[in-house]
Amino acid sequence: MMLILSVIILSACGSEKPEADNTSVEPDQRRASFVGEWRCGETLLETDEYYSGYLALRVEEDGEFSMYDVEAGNPGISGHMEYSSDHEVMLKCGKDDFDPPPGWGKMDYNQSIEYKFVSENELQLAYVGNEGRFTLVFTKE
């Protein structure tokens, strides 16, 4: 009887499957969502005080990004994007040609930015500072 009970207990303990480790998959999935060419909407989400329709965003598979002026050809910001969480990215910008987008003027070279995918083709990037919240709305091209 004791032998049968021991076999049942050991069998039950061995039948548990380890949970899948999604920590290495999630950043890759997040990164894949950002990759591509994006075009910014005419104005910021919160206000139409600033024109932002001149901006484009390019994100590469390795996390390199460039946000630039497609109308005048002026540089904007560029560098490396690190995926901090399911709602924040860290933009690590180069110091050459550092010209932040409208409303983001007080951003640092290394700046945490909130993001939200409204759909797979619409991305909101928000800078939150002492002056308030400034959200750029991008559509995938």
N, C-alpha and C. Protein backbone atom coordinates (compact mmCIF):
# COMPACT_ATOMS: atom_id res chain seq x y z
N MET A 1 0.83 -1.19 0.00
CA MET A 1 0.00 0.00 0.00
C MET A 1 0.87 1.26 0.00
N MET A 2 1.92 1.22 0.84
CA MET A 2 2.82 2.35 0.91
C MET A 2 3.54 2.55 -0.42
N LEU A 3 3.89 1.49 -1.10
CA LEU A 3 4.56 1.55 -2.39
C LEU A 3 3.64 2.19 -3.44
N ILE A 4 2.39 1.82 -3.46
CA ILE A 4 1.42 2.38 -4.42
C ILE A 4 1.24 3.87 -4.17
N LEU A 5 1.12 4.26 -2.91
CA LEU A 5 0.96 5.67 -2.56
C LEU A 5 2.19 6.48 -2.98
N SER A 6 3.38 5.93 -2.79
CA SER A 6 4.61 6.61 -3.19
C SER A 6 4.68 6.79 -4.69
N VAL A 7 4.27 5.79 -5.46
CA VAL A 7 4.28 5.87 -6.91
C VAL A 7 3.30 6.93 -7.39
N ILE A 8 2.14 7.01 -6.77
CA ILE A 8 1.14 8.02 -7.16
C ILE A 8 1.66 9.42 -6.88
N ILE A 9 2.27 9.63 -5.73
CA ILE A 9 2.80 10.95 -5.38
C ILE A 9 3.92 11.35 -6.33
N LEU A 10 4.84 10.43 -6.60
CA LEU A 10 5.94 10.73 -7.51
C LEU A 10 5.44 11.00 -8.92
N SER A 11 4.44 10.28 -9.35
CA SER A 11 3.88 10.49 -10.69
C SER A 11 3.23 11.86 -10.78
N ALA A 12 2.52 12.26 -9.75
CA ALA A 12 1.85 13.56 -9.75
C ALA A 12 2.87 14.69 -9.77
N CYS A 13 3.96 14.55 -9.03
CA CYS A 13 4.99 15.59 -9.00
C CYS A 13 5.69 15.71 -10.35
N GLY A 14 5.92 14.62 -11.01
CA GLY A 14 6.62 14.63 -12.29
C GLY A 14 5.75 15.07 -13.45
N SER A 15 4.44 15.16 -13.28
CA SER A 15 3.56 15.49 -14.39
C SER A 15 3.42 16.98 -14.63
N GLU A 16 3.89 17.81 -13.69
CA GLU A 16 3.80 19.25 -13.87
C GLU A 16 4.78 19.69 -14.94
N LYS A 17 4.29 20.47 -15.87
CA LYS A 17 5.15 21.00 -16.92
C LYS A 17 5.62 22.38 -16.50
N PRO A 18 6.89 22.67 -16.74
CA PRO A 18 7.35 24.02 -16.39
C PRO A 18 6.67 25.06 -17.27
N GLU A 19 6.41 26.23 -16.69
CA GLU A 19 5.77 27.29 -17.45
C GLU A 19 6.73 27.82 -18.50
N ALA A 20 6.18 28.23 -19.62
CA ALA A 20 7.01 28.77 -20.69
C ALA A 20 7.63 30.09 -20.24
N ASP A 21 8.87 30.30 -20.60
CA ASP A 21 9.56 31.54 -20.27
C ASP A 21 9.36 32.52 -21.41
N ASN A 22 8.46 33.49 -21.20
CA ASN A 22 8.13 34.45 -22.25
C ASN A 22 9.00 35.71 -22.19
N THR A 23 9.90 35.78 -21.21
CA THR A 23 10.67 37.00 -21.07
C THR A 23 11.54 37.28 -22.28
N SER A 24 12.05 36.25 -22.94
CA SER A 24 12.90 36.49 -24.10
C SER A 24 12.06 36.67 -25.37
N VAL A 25 10.81 36.22 -25.37
CA VAL A 25 9.96 36.34 -26.56
C VAL A 25 9.30 37.71 -26.61
N GLU A 26 8.85 38.21 -25.50
CA GLU A 26 8.10 39.46 -25.49
C GLU A 26 8.87 40.65 -26.07
N PRO A 27 10.14 40.87 -25.69
CA PRO A 27 10.85 42.00 -26.30
C PRO A 27 10.96 41.85 -27.82
N ASP A 28 11.16 40.64 -28.31
CA ASP A 28 11.23 40.43 -29.75
C ASP A 28 9.90 40.75 -30.42
N GLN A 29 8.80 40.36 -29.78
CA GLN A 29 7.48 40.65 -30.34
C GLN A 29 7.23 42.15 -30.33
N ARG A 30 7.61 42.82 -29.24
CA ARG A 30 7.45 44.28 -29.18
C ARG A 30 8.28 44.94 -30.27
N ARG A 31 9.53 44.53 -30.40
CA ARG A 31 10.42 45.11 -31.40
C ARG A 31 9.83 44.95 -32.79
N ALA A 32 9.31 43.77 -33.09
CA ALA A 32 8.74 43.51 -34.41
C ALA A 32 7.56 44.43 -34.70
N SER A 33 6.80 44.80 -33.69
CA SER A 33 5.66 45.69 -33.88
C SER A 33 6.09 47.09 -34.31
N PHE A 34 7.25 47.53 -33.84
CA PHE A 34 7.75 48.87 -34.16
C PHE A 34 8.41 48.95 -35.52
N VAL A 35 8.97 47.85 -36.00
CA VAL A 35 9.80 47.86 -37.21
C VAL A 35 9.00 48.33 -38.42
N GLY A 36 9.60 49.25 -39.18
CA GLY A 36 8.97 49.71 -40.41
C GLY A 36 9.05 51.22 -40.56
N GLU A 37 8.32 51.70 -41.54
CA GLU A 37 8.23 53.13 -41.87
C GLU A 37 6.89 53.66 -41.37
N TRP A 38 6.92 54.78 -40.66
CA TRP A 38 5.73 55.38 -40.07
C TRP A 38 5.65 56.84 -40.49
N ARG A 39 4.44 57.35 -40.63
CA ARG A 39 4.23 58.77 -40.95
C ARG A 39 3.36 59.39 -39.87
N CYS A 40 3.74 60.57 -39.41
CA CYS A 40 3.04 61.23 -38.31
C CYS A 40 1.81 61.98 -38.81
N GLY A 41 0.79 62.04 -37.97
CA GLY A 41 -0.41 62.81 -38.25
C GLY A 41 -0.14 64.30 -38.24
N GLU A 42 -1.08 65.07 -38.71
CA GLU A 42 -0.94 66.52 -38.85
C GLU A 42 -0.65 67.25 -37.53
N THR A 43 -1.32 66.81 -36.44
CA THR A 43 -1.18 67.51 -35.17
C THR A 43 -1.01 66.49 -34.04
N LEU A 44 -0.64 67.00 -32.89
CA LEU A 44 -0.52 66.16 -31.70
C LEU A 44 -1.89 65.70 -31.25
N LEU A 45 -1.93 64.61 -30.51
CA LEU A 45 -3.20 64.07 -30.02
C LEU A 45 -3.92 65.05 -29.09
N GLU A 46 -3.17 65.71 -28.22
CA GLU A 46 -3.78 66.57 -27.21
C GLU A 46 -4.17 67.96 -27.70
N THR A 47 -3.48 68.44 -28.73
CA THR A 47 -3.71 69.81 -29.18
C THR A 47 -3.37 69.96 -30.66
N ASP A 48 -4.02 70.91 -31.31
CA ASP A 48 -3.66 71.19 -32.70
C ASP A 48 -2.76 72.42 -32.79
N GLU A 49 -2.22 72.82 -31.64
CA GLU A 49 -1.34 73.99 -31.56
C GLU A 49 -0.02 73.75 -32.31
N TYR A 50 0.43 72.51 -32.37
CA TYR A 50 1.69 72.17 -33.02
C TYR A 50 1.43 71.35 -34.28
N TYR A 51 2.15 71.68 -35.35
CA TYR A 51 2.08 70.91 -36.59
C TYR A 51 3.14 69.80 -36.52
N SER A 52 2.74 68.57 -36.76
CA SER A 52 3.68 67.44 -36.70
C SER A 52 3.63 66.57 -37.96
N GLY A 53 2.88 67.00 -38.96
CA GLY A 53 2.71 66.21 -40.17
C GLY A 53 3.96 66.05 -41.01
N TYR A 54 5.01 66.78 -40.68
CA TYR A 54 6.26 66.68 -41.42
C TYR A 54 7.15 65.53 -40.96
N LEU A 55 6.77 64.85 -39.87
CA LEU A 55 7.63 63.82 -39.28
C LEU A 55 7.42 62.43 -39.88
N ALA A 56 8.49 61.72 -40.00
CA ALA A 56 8.46 60.30 -40.35
C ALA A 56 9.32 59.57 -39.33
N LEU A 57 9.03 58.32 -39.13
CA LEU A 57 9.77 57.49 -38.19
C LEU A 57 10.14 56.20 -38.90
N ARG A 58 11.41 55.85 -38.79
CA ARG A 58 11.89 54.58 -39.34
C ARG A 58 12.51 53.79 -38.18
N VAL A 59 12.06 52.54 -38.01
CA VAL A 59 12.60 51.68 -36.97
C VAL A 59 13.11 50.41 -37.63
N GLU A 60 14.38 50.10 -37.36
CA GLU A 60 15.03 48.91 -37.92
C GLU A 60 14.87 47.73 -36.95
N GLU A 61 15.11 46.53 -37.45
CA GLU A 61 14.97 45.32 -36.64
C GLU A 61 15.90 45.30 -35.43
N ASP A 62 17.06 45.94 -35.54
CA ASP A 62 18.02 45.95 -34.44
C ASP A 62 17.73 47.03 -33.40
N GLY A 63 16.63 47.78 -33.58
CA GLY A 63 16.25 48.82 -32.62
C GLY A 63 16.73 50.21 -32.99
N GLU A 64 17.54 50.32 -34.04
CA GLU A 64 17.97 51.65 -34.48
C GLU A 64 16.75 52.39 -35.04
N PHE A 65 16.66 53.68 -34.73
CA PHE A 65 15.51 54.46 -35.20
C PHE A 65 15.97 55.82 -35.68
N SER A 66 15.11 56.44 -36.47
CA SER A 66 15.32 57.80 -36.93
C SER A 66 13.95 58.46 -37.07
N MET A 67 13.78 59.59 -36.42
CA MET A 67 12.58 60.40 -36.56
C MET A 67 13.04 61.69 -37.23
N TYR A 68 12.54 61.97 -38.42
CA TYR A 68 13.11 63.05 -39.22
C TYR A 68 12.03 63.82 -39.97
N ASP A 69 12.43 64.95 -40.50
CA ASP A 69 11.56 65.87 -41.23
C ASP A 69 11.56 65.47 -42.71
N VAL A 70 10.45 64.92 -43.19
CA VAL A 70 10.38 64.50 -44.59
C VAL A 70 10.02 65.65 -45.53
N GLU A 71 9.52 66.74 -45.00
CA GLU A 71 9.14 67.86 -45.85
C GLU A 71 10.33 68.76 -46.19
N ALA A 72 11.15 69.08 -45.20
CA ALA A 72 12.28 69.98 -45.43
C ALA A 72 13.62 69.24 -45.45
N GLY A 73 13.61 67.98 -45.07
CA GLY A 73 14.84 67.20 -45.05
C GLY A 73 15.70 67.45 -43.84
N ASN A 74 15.17 68.16 -42.86
CA ASN A 74 15.94 68.44 -41.65
C ASN A 74 16.03 67.21 -40.76
N PRO A 75 17.14 67.09 -40.03
CA PRO A 75 17.25 65.98 -39.09
C PRO A 75 16.31 66.19 -37.91
N GLY A 76 16.04 65.14 -37.20
CA GLY A 76 15.22 65.20 -36.00
C GLY A 76 15.98 64.57 -34.85
N ILE A 77 15.61 63.35 -34.52
CA ILE A 77 16.34 62.59 -33.52
C ILE A 77 16.59 61.19 -34.08
N SER A 78 17.67 60.59 -33.63
CA SER A 78 17.96 59.22 -34.06
C SER A 78 18.83 58.57 -33.00
N GLY A 79 18.86 57.25 -33.05
CA GLY A 79 19.66 56.51 -32.08
C GLY A 79 19.17 55.08 -31.96
N HIS A 80 19.09 54.62 -30.72
CA HIS A 80 18.69 53.24 -30.46
C HIS A 80 17.46 53.23 -29.54
N MET A 81 16.52 52.36 -29.84
CA MET A 81 15.29 52.21 -29.07
C MET A 81 15.40 50.92 -28.26
N GLU A 82 15.24 51.04 -26.93
CA GLU A 82 15.22 49.87 -26.06
C GLU A 82 13.82 49.69 -25.53
N TYR A 83 13.36 48.47 -25.53
CA TYR A 83 11.98 48.16 -25.18
C TYR A 83 11.89 47.84 -23.70
N SER A 84 11.50 48.83 -22.89
CA SER A 84 11.50 48.74 -21.44
C SER A 84 10.35 47.90 -20.90
N SER A 85 9.16 48.08 -21.44
CA SER A 85 7.98 47.38 -20.94
C SER A 85 6.93 47.37 -22.03
N ASP A 86 5.74 46.91 -21.68
CA ASP A 86 4.67 46.88 -22.68
C ASP A 86 4.03 48.25 -22.89
N HIS A 87 4.58 49.29 -22.28
CA HIS A 87 4.05 50.64 -22.52
C HIS A 87 5.13 51.73 -22.53
N GLU A 88 6.41 51.34 -22.41
CA GLU A 88 7.48 52.33 -22.44
C GLU A 88 8.67 51.84 -23.26
N VAL A 89 9.28 52.78 -23.96
CA VAL A 89 10.55 52.54 -24.64
C VAL A 89 11.53 53.60 -24.17
N MET A 90 12.81 53.25 -24.20
CA MET A 90 13.86 54.20 -23.89
C MET A 90 14.51 54.60 -25.20
N LEU A 91 14.45 55.88 -25.52
CA LEU A 91 15.12 56.39 -26.72
C LEU A 91 16.49 56.88 -26.30
N LYS A 92 17.53 56.28 -26.86
CA LYS A 92 18.91 56.69 -26.61
C LYS A 92 19.39 57.39 -27.87
N CYS A 93 19.30 58.71 -27.84
CA CYS A 93 19.54 59.52 -29.03
C CYS A 93 21.00 59.94 -29.13
N GLY A 94 21.46 60.04 -30.36
CA GLY A 94 22.77 60.61 -30.62
C GLY A 94 22.73 62.12 -30.40
N LYS A 95 23.87 62.70 -30.11
CA LYS A 95 23.92 64.13 -29.83
C LYS A 95 24.07 64.98 -31.09
N ASP A 96 24.42 64.34 -32.22
CA ASP A 96 24.51 65.06 -33.48
C ASP A 96 23.11 65.29 -34.03
N ASP A 97 22.85 66.49 -34.49
CA ASP A 97 21.56 66.81 -35.11
C ASP A 97 20.38 66.45 -34.21
N PHE A 98 20.47 66.78 -32.93
CA PHE A 98 19.41 66.47 -31.97
C PHE A 98 18.38 67.60 -32.00
N ASP A 99 17.26 67.34 -32.65
CA ASP A 99 16.18 68.33 -32.79
C ASP A 99 14.86 67.62 -32.51
N PRO A 100 14.43 67.58 -31.23
CA PRO A 100 13.23 66.84 -30.86
C PRO A 100 11.97 67.35 -31.56
N PRO A 101 10.96 66.49 -31.69
CA PRO A 101 9.70 66.88 -32.34
C PRO A 101 8.90 67.87 -31.51
N PRO A 102 7.82 68.42 -32.08
CA PRO A 102 7.00 69.41 -31.39
C PRO A 102 6.52 68.92 -30.02
N GLY A 103 6.68 69.79 -29.02
CA GLY A 103 6.25 69.46 -27.66
C GLY A 103 7.27 68.65 -26.88
N TRP A 104 8.21 68.05 -27.57
CA TRP A 104 9.22 67.21 -26.92
C TRP A 104 10.53 67.98 -26.69
N GLY A 105 10.50 69.28 -26.81
CA GLY A 105 11.70 70.11 -26.77
C GLY A 105 12.58 69.96 -25.56
N LYS A 106 12.04 69.57 -24.43
CA LYS A 106 12.84 69.44 -23.21
C LYS A 106 13.27 68.00 -22.96
N MET A 107 13.10 67.14 -23.95
CA MET A 107 13.50 65.75 -23.75
C MET A 107 15.02 65.64 -23.62
N ASP A 108 15.46 64.59 -22.92
CA ASP A 108 16.88 64.32 -22.76
C ASP A 108 17.38 63.43 -23.90
N TYR A 109 18.70 63.31 -24.00
CA TYR A 109 19.28 62.41 -25.00
C TYR A 109 18.87 60.97 -24.75
N ASN A 110 18.73 60.60 -23.48
CA ASN A 110 18.20 59.29 -23.09
C ASN A 110 16.85 59.55 -22.42
N GLN A 111 15.78 59.23 -23.12
CA GLN A 111 14.45 59.62 -22.66
C GLN A 111 13.48 58.45 -22.71
N SER A 112 12.77 58.25 -21.61
CA SER A 112 11.70 57.25 -21.58
C SER A 112 10.47 57.86 -22.24
N ILE A 113 9.89 57.11 -23.18
CA ILE A 113 8.73 57.56 -23.93
C ILE A 113 7.63 56.52 -23.79
N GLU A 114 6.41 56.96 -23.52
CA GLU A 114 5.28 56.03 -23.45
C GLU A 114 4.81 55.71 -24.86
N TYR A 115 4.37 54.48 -25.04
CA TYR A 115 3.82 54.12 -26.35
C TYR A 115 2.56 53.31 -26.20
N LYS A 116 1.75 53.34 -27.27
CA LYS A 116 0.52 52.56 -27.31
C LYS A 116 0.23 52.22 -28.76
N PHE A 117 -0.02 50.94 -29.02
CA PHE A 117 -0.46 50.53 -30.35
C PHE A 117 -1.98 50.54 -30.34
N VAL A 118 -2.57 51.49 -31.05
CA VAL A 118 -4.03 51.56 -31.17
C VAL A 118 -4.49 50.42 -32.07
N SER A 119 -3.68 50.12 -33.07
CA SER A 119 -3.87 48.98 -33.96
C SER A 119 -2.48 48.60 -34.45
N GLU A 120 -2.38 47.57 -35.27
CA GLU A 120 -1.05 47.20 -35.75
C GLU A 120 -0.47 48.25 -36.70
N ASN A 121 -1.32 49.15 -37.18
CA ASN A 121 -0.87 50.20 -38.10
C ASN A 121 -0.92 51.60 -37.50
N GLU A 122 -1.25 51.73 -36.23
CA GLU A 122 -1.28 53.05 -35.59
C GLU A 122 -0.54 52.99 -34.26
N LEU A 123 0.45 53.85 -34.13
CA LEU A 123 1.33 53.91 -32.96
C LEU A 123 1.29 55.31 -32.37
N GLN A 124 1.09 55.39 -31.05
CA GLN A 124 1.15 56.67 -30.35
C GLN A 124 2.42 56.68 -29.50
N LEU A 125 3.21 57.73 -29.63
CA LEU A 125 4.41 57.94 -28.82
C LEU A 125 4.22 59.21 -28.02
N ALA A 126 4.32 59.11 -26.70
CA ALA A 126 4.04 60.26 -25.84
C ALA A 126 5.23 60.63 -24.97
N TYR A 127 5.61 61.89 -25.06
CA TYR A 127 6.60 62.48 -24.16
C TYR A 127 5.81 63.13 -23.03
N VAL A 128 6.17 62.81 -21.79
CA VAL A 128 5.50 63.41 -20.64
C VAL A 128 6.57 64.16 -19.84
N GLY A 129 6.38 65.47 -19.73
CA GLY A 129 7.32 66.31 -19.00
C GLY A 129 6.57 67.29 -18.12
N ASN A 130 7.31 68.23 -17.55
CA ASN A 130 6.69 69.24 -16.68
C ASN A 130 5.68 70.09 -17.42
N GLU A 131 5.85 70.21 -18.74
CA GLU A 131 4.96 71.04 -19.55
C GLU A 131 3.67 70.32 -19.90
N GLY A 132 3.61 69.01 -19.66
CA GLY A 132 2.42 68.23 -19.99
C GLY A 132 2.75 67.01 -20.81
N ARG A 133 1.74 66.49 -21.46
CA ARG A 133 1.85 65.28 -22.28
C ARG A 133 1.71 65.69 -23.75
N PHE A 134 2.64 65.19 -24.58
CA PHE A 134 2.65 65.51 -26.00
C PHE A 134 2.75 64.20 -26.78
N THR A 135 1.66 63.82 -27.46
CA THR A 135 1.58 62.52 -28.13
C THR A 135 1.59 62.69 -29.64
N LEU A 136 2.56 62.03 -30.27
CA LEU A 136 2.63 61.96 -31.73
C LEU A 136 1.89 60.70 -32.15
N VAL A 137 1.07 60.81 -33.20
CA VAL A 137 0.29 59.67 -33.70
C VAL A 137 0.85 59.29 -35.08
N PHE A 138 1.39 58.07 -35.17
CA PHE A 138 2.00 57.59 -36.41
C PHE A 138 1.15 56.50 -37.05
N THR A 139 1.13 56.50 -38.37
CA THR A 139 0.46 55.46 -39.15
C THR A 139 1.52 54.75 -39.97
N LYS A 140 1.44 53.42 -39.97
CA LYS A 140 2.43 52.62 -40.71
C LYS A 140 2.18 52.75 -42.19
N GLU A 141 3.26 52.95 -42.95
CA GLU A 141 3.14 53.09 -44.40
C GLU A 141 3.28 51.75 -45.09
